[in-house]
């Protein structure tokens, strides 16, 4: 995963936490839900990026093993 993707996902997560907290403090349930949704979306994106990284790393390991033989 690129650094930019990690930063974007983290920013979305932090923004979601802020919205959720602001909604809680002000009693705005819609803002709270929106914040939770932002956090969830960021988490799914992060999980997807982690899967891509795992596949990439596994491919690199296979290439390395093949080159050794």
PDB file of N, CA and C in Angstrom:
ATOM      1  N   UNK A   1       0.857  -1.157   0.000  1.00  0.00           N
ATOM      2  CA  UNK A   1       0.000   0.000   0.000  1.00  0.00           C
ATOM      3  C   UNK A   1       0.901   1.216   0.000  1.00  0.00           C
ATOM      4  N   UNK A   2       0.507   2.189  -0.746  1.00  0.00           N
ATOM      5  CA  UNK A   2       1.325   3.390  -0.791  1.00  0.00           C
ATOM      6  C   UNK A   2       1.098   4.239   0.454  1.00  0.00           C
ATOM      7  N   UNK A   3       2.071   5.053   0.722  1.00  0.00           N
ATOM      8  CA  UNK A   3       1.986   5.957   1.861  1.00  0.00           C
ATOM      9  C   UNK A   3       0.778   6.879   1.715  1.00  0.00           C
ATOM     10  N   UNK A   4       0.509   7.308   0.491  1.00  0.00           N
ATOM     11  CA  UNK A   4      -0.617   8.213   0.250  1.00  0.00           C
ATOM     12  C   UNK A   4      -1.939   7.539   0.610  1.00  0.00           C
ATOM     13  N   UNK A   5      -2.097   6.270   0.217  1.00  0.00           N
ATOM     14  CA  UNK A   5      -3.324   5.538   0.557  1.00  0.00           C
ATOM     15  C   UNK A   5      -3.480   5.385   2.058  1.00  0.00           C
ATOM     16  N   UNK A   6      -2.389   5.056   2.738  1.00  0.00           N
ATOM     17  CA  UNK A   6      -2.432   4.926   4.201  1.00  0.00           C
ATOM     18  C   UNK A   6      -2.854   6.247   4.837  1.00  0.00           C
ATOM     19  N   UNK A   7      -2.277   7.340   4.350  1.00  0.00           N
ATOM     20  CA  UNK A   7      -2.592   8.659   4.908  1.00  0.00           C
ATOM     21  C   UNK A   7      -4.051   9.024   4.664  1.00  0.00           C
ATOM     22  N   UNK A   8      -4.545   8.747   3.469  1.00  0.00           N
ATOM     23  CA  UNK A   8      -5.953   9.055   3.154  1.00  0.00           C
ATOM     24  C   UNK A   8      -6.893   8.250   4.038  1.00  0.00           C
ATOM     25  N   UNK A   9      -6.598   6.967   4.213  1.00  0.00           N
ATOM     26  CA  UNK A   9      -7.448   6.120   5.053  1.00  0.00           C
ATOM     27  C   UNK A   9      -7.426   6.594   6.503  1.00  0.00           C
ATOM     28  N   UNK A  10      -6.254   6.953   6.992  1.00  0.00           N
ATOM     29  CA  UNK A  10      -6.137   7.429   8.374  1.00  0.00           C
ATOM     30  C   UNK A  10      -6.875   8.756   8.539  1.00  0.00           C
ATOM     31  N   UNK A  11      -6.748   9.631   7.544  1.00  0.00           N
ATOM     32  CA  UNK A  11      -7.444  10.924   7.608  1.00  0.00           C
ATOM     33  C   UNK A  11      -8.953  10.722   7.644  1.00  0.00           C
ATOM     34  N   UNK A  12      -9.446   9.780   6.835  1.00  0.00           N
ATOM     35  CA  UNK A  12     -10.884   9.506   6.830  1.00  0.00           C
ATOM     36  C   UNK A  12     -11.321   8.937   8.180  1.00  0.00           C
ATOM     37  N   UNK A  13     -10.503   8.084   8.757  1.00  0.00           N
ATOM     38  CA  UNK A  13     -10.822   7.510  10.069  1.00  0.00           C
ATOM     39  C   UNK A  13     -10.875   8.601  11.140  1.00  0.00           C
ATOM     40  N   UNK A  14      -9.879   9.465  11.140  1.00  0.00           N
ATOM     41  CA  UNK A  14      -9.815  10.544  12.137  1.00  0.00           C
ATOM     42  C   UNK A  14     -10.987  11.506  11.945  1.00  0.00           C
ATOM     43  N   UNK A  15     -11.306  11.822  10.702  1.00  0.00           N
ATOM     44  CA  UNK A  15     -12.445  12.694  10.421  1.00  0.00           C
ATOM     45  C   UNK A  15     -13.735  12.062  10.932  1.00  0.00           C
ATOM     46  N   UNK A  16     -13.865  10.762  10.716  1.00  0.00           N
ATOM     47  CA  UNK A  16     -15.051  10.048  11.193  1.00  0.00           C
ATOM     48  C   UNK A  16     -15.168  10.080  12.702  1.00  0.00           C
ATOM     49  N   UNK A  17     -14.044   9.912  13.387  1.00  0.00           N
ATOM     50  CA  UNK A  17     -14.059   9.976  14.852  1.00  0.00           C
ATOM     51  C   UNK A  17     -14.475  11.364  15.324  1.00  0.00           C
ATOM     52  N   UNK A  18     -13.983  12.378  14.628  1.00  0.00           N
ATOM     53  CA  UNK A  18     -14.351  13.750  14.980  1.00  0.00           C
ATOM     54  C   UNK A  18     -15.831  14.002  14.777  1.00  0.00           C
ATOM     55  N   UNK A  19     -16.356  13.538  13.655  1.00  0.00           N
ATOM     56  CA  UNK A  19     -17.785  13.712  13.386  1.00  0.00           C
ATOM     57  C   UNK A  19     -18.625  12.976  14.430  1.00  0.00           C
ATOM     58  N   UNK A  20     -18.211  11.767  14.752  1.00  0.00           N
ATOM     59  CA  UNK A  20     -18.958  10.988  15.738  1.00  0.00           C
ATOM     60  C   UNK A  20     -18.966  11.703  17.086  1.00  0.00           C
ATOM     61  N   UNK A  21     -17.824  12.194  17.499  1.00  0.00           N
ATOM     62  CA  UNK A  21     -17.726  12.887  18.788  1.00  0.00           C
ATOM     63  C   UNK A  21     -18.532  14.185  18.769  1.00  0.00           C
ATOM     64  N   UNK A  22     -18.421  14.936  17.674  1.00  0.00           N
ATOM     65  CA  UNK A  22     -19.179  16.184  17.563  1.00  0.00           C
ATOM     66  C   UNK A  22     -20.676  15.906  17.603  1.00  0.00           C
ATOM     67  N   UNK A  23     -21.093  14.863  16.919  1.00  0.00           N
ATOM     68  CA  UNK A  23     -22.509  14.494  16.937  1.00  0.00           C
ATOM     69  C   UNK A  23     -22.972  14.088  18.317  1.00  0.00           C
ATOM     70  N   UNK A  24     -22.099  13.395  19.048  1.00  0.00           N
ATOM     71  CA  UNK A  24     -22.425  12.973  20.411  1.00  0.00           C
ATOM     72  C   UNK A  24     -22.581  14.177  21.322  1.00  0.00           C
ATOM     73  N   UNK A  25     -21.648  15.107  21.221  1.00  0.00           N
ATOM     74  CA  UNK A  25     -21.658  16.291  22.090  1.00  0.00           C
ATOM     75  C   UNK A  25     -22.868  17.177  21.799  1.00  0.00           C
ATOM     76  N   UNK A  26     -23.204  17.318  20.510  1.00  0.00           N
ATOM     77  CA  UNK A  26     -24.307  18.202  20.132  1.00  0.00           C
ATOM     78  C   UNK A  26     -25.658  17.505  20.104  1.00  0.00           C
ATOM     79  N   UNK A  27     -25.662  16.182  20.277  1.00  0.00           N
ATOM     80  CA  UNK A  27     -26.919  15.443  20.213  1.00  0.00           C
ATOM     81  C   UNK A  27     -27.403  15.214  18.792  1.00  0.00           C
ATOM     82  N   UNK A  28     -26.513  15.374  17.809  1.00  0.00           N
ATOM     83  CA  UNK A  28     -26.865  15.210  16.404  1.00  0.00           C
ATOM     84  C   UNK A  28     -26.594  13.756  16.002  1.00  0.00           C
ATOM     85  N   UNK A  29     -27.645  12.946  16.030  1.00  0.00           N
ATOM     86  CA  UNK A  29     -27.497  11.521  15.741  1.00  0.00           C
ATOM     87  C   UNK A  29     -27.062  11.258  14.300  1.00  0.00           C
ATOM     88  N   UNK A  30     -27.502  12.090  13.381  1.00  0.00           N
ATOM     89  CA  UNK A  30     -27.122  11.914  11.977  1.00  0.00           C
ATOM     90  C   UNK A  30     -25.612  12.100  11.804  1.00  0.00           C
ATOM     91  N   UNK A  31     -25.051  13.093  12.476  1.00  0.00           N
ATOM     92  CA  UNK A  31     -23.616  13.335  12.397  1.00  0.00           C
ATOM     93  C   UNK A  31     -22.838  12.183  13.037  1.00  0.00           C
ATOM     94  N   UNK A  32     -23.374  11.652  14.135  1.00  0.00           N
ATOM     95  CA  UNK A  32     -22.750  10.488  14.765  1.00  0.00           C
ATOM     96  C   UNK A  32     -22.717   9.296  13.805  1.00  0.00           C
ATOM     97  N   UNK A  33     -23.847   9.045  13.151  1.00  0.00           N
ATOM     98  CA  UNK A  33     -23.924   7.926  12.192  1.00  0.00           C
ATOM     99  C   UNK A  33     -22.963   8.137  11.026  1.00  0.00           C
ATOM    100  N   UNK A  34     -22.903   9.360  10.547  1.00  0.00           N
ATOM    101  CA  UNK A  34     -22.003   9.675   9.442  1.00  0.00           C
ATOM    102  C   UNK A  34     -20.545   9.426   9.857  1.00  0.00           C
ATOM    103  N   UNK A  35     -20.215   9.801  11.071  1.00  0.00           N
ATOM    104  CA  UNK A  35     -18.864   9.575  11.578  1.00  0.00           C
ATOM    105  C   UNK A  35     -18.534   8.097  11.685  1.00  0.00           C
ATOM    106  N   UNK A  36     -19.478   7.318  12.193  1.00  0.00           N
ATOM    107  CA  UNK A  36     -19.259   5.871  12.280  1.00  0.00           C
ATOM    108  C   UNK A  36     -19.120   5.262  10.891  1.00  0.00           C
ATOM    109  N   UNK A  37     -19.918   5.753   9.951  1.00  0.00           N
ATOM    110  CA  UNK A  37     -19.840   5.255   8.571  1.00  0.00           C
ATOM    111  C   UNK A  37     -18.478   5.574   7.960  1.00  0.00           C
ATOM    112  N   UNK A  38     -17.983   6.781   8.186  1.00  0.00           N
ATOM    113  CA  UNK A  38     -16.659   7.162   7.672  1.00  0.00           C
ATOM    114  C   UNK A  38     -15.572   6.252   8.246  1.00  0.00           C
ATOM    115  N   UNK A  39     -15.683   5.963   9.530  1.00  0.00           N
ATOM    116  CA  UNK A  39     -14.694   5.094  10.168  1.00  0.00           C
ATOM    117  C   UNK A  39     -14.763   3.677   9.588  1.00  0.00           C
ATOM    118  N   UNK A  40     -15.967   3.191   9.391  1.00  0.00           N
ATOM    119  CA  UNK A  40     -16.140   1.864   8.827  1.00  0.00           C
ATOM    120  C   UNK A  40     -15.596   1.771   7.411  1.00  0.00           C
ATOM    121  N   UNK A  41     -15.875   2.776   6.615  1.00  0.00           N
ATOM    122  CA  UNK A  41     -15.378   2.803   5.237  1.00  0.00           C
ATOM    123  C   UNK A  41     -13.849   2.817   5.214  1.00  0.00           C
ATOM    124  N   UNK A  42     -13.267   3.627   6.083  1.00  0.00           N
ATOM    125  CA  UNK A  42     -11.800   3.686   6.159  1.00  0.00           C
ATOM    126  C   UNK A  42     -11.233   2.330   6.571  1.00  0.00           C
ATOM    127  N   UNK A  43     -11.893   1.666   7.480  1.00  0.00           N
ATOM    128  CA  UNK A  43     -11.442   0.345   7.919  1.00  0.00           C
ATOM    129  C   UNK A  43     -11.497  -0.678   6.797  1.00  0.00           C
ATOM    130  N   UNK A  44     -12.576  -0.647   5.995  1.00  0.00           N
ATOM    131  CA  UNK A  44     -12.685  -1.565   4.863  1.00  0.00           C
ATOM    132  C   UNK A  44     -11.606  -1.288   3.828  1.00  0.00           C
ATOM    133  N   UNK A  45     -11.349  -0.014   3.579  1.00  0.00           N
ATOM    134  CA  UNK A  45     -10.298   0.335   2.624  1.00  0.00           C
ATOM    135  C   UNK A  45      -8.948  -0.171   3.114  1.00  0.00           C
ATOM    136  N   UNK A  46      -8.699   0.024   4.392  1.00  0.00           N
ATOM    137  CA  UNK A  46      -7.437  -0.425   4.981  1.00  0.00           C
ATOM    138  C   UNK A  46      -7.305  -1.943   4.863  1.00  0.00           C
ATOM    139  N   UNK A  47      -8.378  -2.666   5.132  1.00  0.00           N
ATOM    140  CA  UNK A  47      -8.353  -4.128   5.026  1.00  0.00           C
ATOM    141  C   UNK A  47      -8.068  -4.556   3.595  1.00  0.00           C
ATOM    142  N   UNK A  48      -8.683  -3.892   2.636  1.00  0.00           N
ATOM    143  CA  UNK A  48      -8.435  -4.201   1.231  1.00  0.00           C
ATOM    144  C   UNK A  48      -6.992  -3.956   0.839  1.00  0.00           C
ATOM    145  N   UNK A  49      -6.436  -2.864   1.325  1.00  0.00           N
ATOM    146  CA  UNK A  49      -5.037  -2.552   1.038  1.00  0.00           C
ATOM    147  C   UNK A  49      -4.120  -3.595   1.678  1.00  0.00           C
ATOM    148  N   UNK A  50      -4.472  -4.055   2.870  1.00  0.00           N
ATOM    149  CA  UNK A  50      -3.672  -5.084   3.543  1.00  0.00           C
ATOM    150  C   UNK A  50      -3.687  -6.395   2.760  1.00  0.00           C
ATOM    151  N   UNK A  51      -4.833  -6.735   2.176  1.00  0.00           N
ATOM    152  CA  UNK A  51      -4.922  -7.939   1.353  1.00  0.00           C
ATOM    153  C   UNK A  51      -4.024  -7.792   0.129  1.00  0.00           C
ATOM    154  N   UNK A  52      -4.089  -6.639  -0.511  1.00  0.00           N
ATOM    155  CA  UNK A  52      -3.234  -6.411  -1.679  1.00  0.00           C
ATOM    156  C   UNK A  52      -1.758  -6.520  -1.303  1.00  0.00           C
ATOM    157  N   UNK A  53      -1.387  -5.957  -0.162  1.00  0.00           N
ATOM    158  CA  UNK A  53       0.000  -6.048   0.298  1.00  0.00           C
ATOM    159  C   UNK A  53       0.396  -7.501   0.541  1.00  0.00           C
ATOM    160  N   UNK A  54      -0.503  -8.274   1.141  1.00  0.00           N
ATOM    161  CA  UNK A  54      -0.213  -9.683   1.417  1.00  0.00           C
ATOM    162  C   UNK A  54      -0.003 -10.474   0.140  1.00  0.00           C
ATOM    163  N   UNK A  55      -0.841 -10.233  -0.844  1.00  0.00           N
ATOM    164  CA  UNK A  55      -0.701 -10.923  -2.125  1.00  0.00           C
ATOM    165  C   UNK A  55       0.609 -10.525  -2.790  1.00  0.00           C
ATOM    166  N   UNK A  56       0.914  -9.246  -2.743  1.00  0.00           N
ATOM    167  CA  UNK A  56       2.160  -8.761  -3.339  1.00  0.00           C
ATOM    168  C   UNK A  56       3.366  -9.393  -2.636  1.00  0.00           C
ATOM    169  N   UNK A  57       3.329  -9.444  -1.317  1.00  0.00           N
ATOM    170  CA  UNK A  57       4.438 -10.037  -0.563  1.00  0.00           C
ATOM    171  C   UNK A  57       4.569 -11.534  -0.842  1.00  0.00           C
ATOM    172  N   UNK A  58       3.451 -12.216  -0.957  1.00  0.00           N
ATOM    173  CA  UNK A  58       3.489 -13.650  -1.259  1.00  0.00           C
ATOM    174  C   UNK A  58       4.083 -13.873  -2.648  1.00  0.00           C
ATOM    175  N   UNK A  59       3.701 -13.041  -3.589  1.00  0.00           N
ATOM    176  CA  UNK A  59       4.258 -13.144  -4.938  1.00  0.00           C
ATOM    177  C   UNK A  59       5.753 -12.913  -4.940  1.00  0.00           C
ATOM    178  N   UNK A  60       6.202 -11.927  -4.167  1.00  0.00           N
ATOM    179  CA  UNK A  60       7.639 -11.656  -4.062  1.00  0.00           C
ATOM    180  C   UNK A  60       8.374 -12.831  -3.436  1.00  0.00           C
ATOM    181  N   UNK A  61       7.763 -13.476  -2.446  1.00  0.00           N
ATOM    182  CA  UNK A  61       8.386 -14.626  -1.793  1.00  0.00           C
ATOM    183  C   UNK A  61       8.521 -15.787  -2.766  1.00  0.00           C
ATOM    184  N   UNK A  62       7.495 -16.001  -3.578  1.00  0.00           N
ATOM    185  CA  UNK A  62       7.542 -17.080  -4.570  1.00  0.00           C
ATOM    186  C   UNK A  62       8.633 -16.790  -5.596  1.00  0.00           C
ATOM    187  N   UNK A  63       8.685 -15.552  -6.057  1.00  0.00           N
ATOM    188  CA  UNK A  63       9.728 -15.186  -7.030  1.00  0.00           C
ATOM    189  C   UNK A  63      11.116 -15.407  -6.441  1.00  0.00           C
ATOM    190  N   UNK A  64      11.283 -15.031  -5.176  1.00  0.00           N
ATOM    191  CA  UNK A  64      12.569 -15.211  -4.509  1.00  0.00           C
ATOM    192  C   UNK A  64      12.936 -16.684  -4.371  1.00  0.00           C
ATOM    193  N   UNK A  65      11.970 -17.521  -4.066  1.00  0.00           N
ATOM    194  CA  UNK A  65      12.212 -18.955  -3.912  1.00  0.00           C
ATOM    195  C   UNK A  65      12.567 -19.587  -5.250  1.00  0.00           C
ATOM    196  N   UNK A  66      11.907 -19.143  -6.303  1.00  0.00           N
ATOM    197  CA  UNK A  66      12.168 -19.692  -7.637  1.00  0.00           C
ATOM    198  C   UNK A  66      13.564 -19.304  -8.110  1.00  0.00           C
ATOM    199  N   UNK A  67      13.982 -18.089  -7.843  1.00  0.00           N
ATOM    200  CA  UNK A  67      15.303 -17.617  -8.259  1.00  0.00           C
ATOM    201  C   UNK A  67      16.435 -18.351  -7.547  1.00  0.00           C
ATOM    202  N   UNK A  68      16.191 -18.825  -6.319  1.00  0.00           N
ATOM    203  CA  UNK A  68      17.213 -19.523  -5.548  1.00  0.00           C
ATOM    204  C   UNK A  68      17.523 -20.892  -6.136  1.00  0.00           C
ATOM    205  N   UNK A  69      16.525 -21.496  -6.790  1.00  0.00           N
ATOM    206  CA  UNK A  69      16.714 -22.849  -7.325  1.00  0.00           C
ATOM    207  C   UNK A  69      17.478 -22.848  -8.605  1.00  0.00           C
TER     208      UNK A  69
END
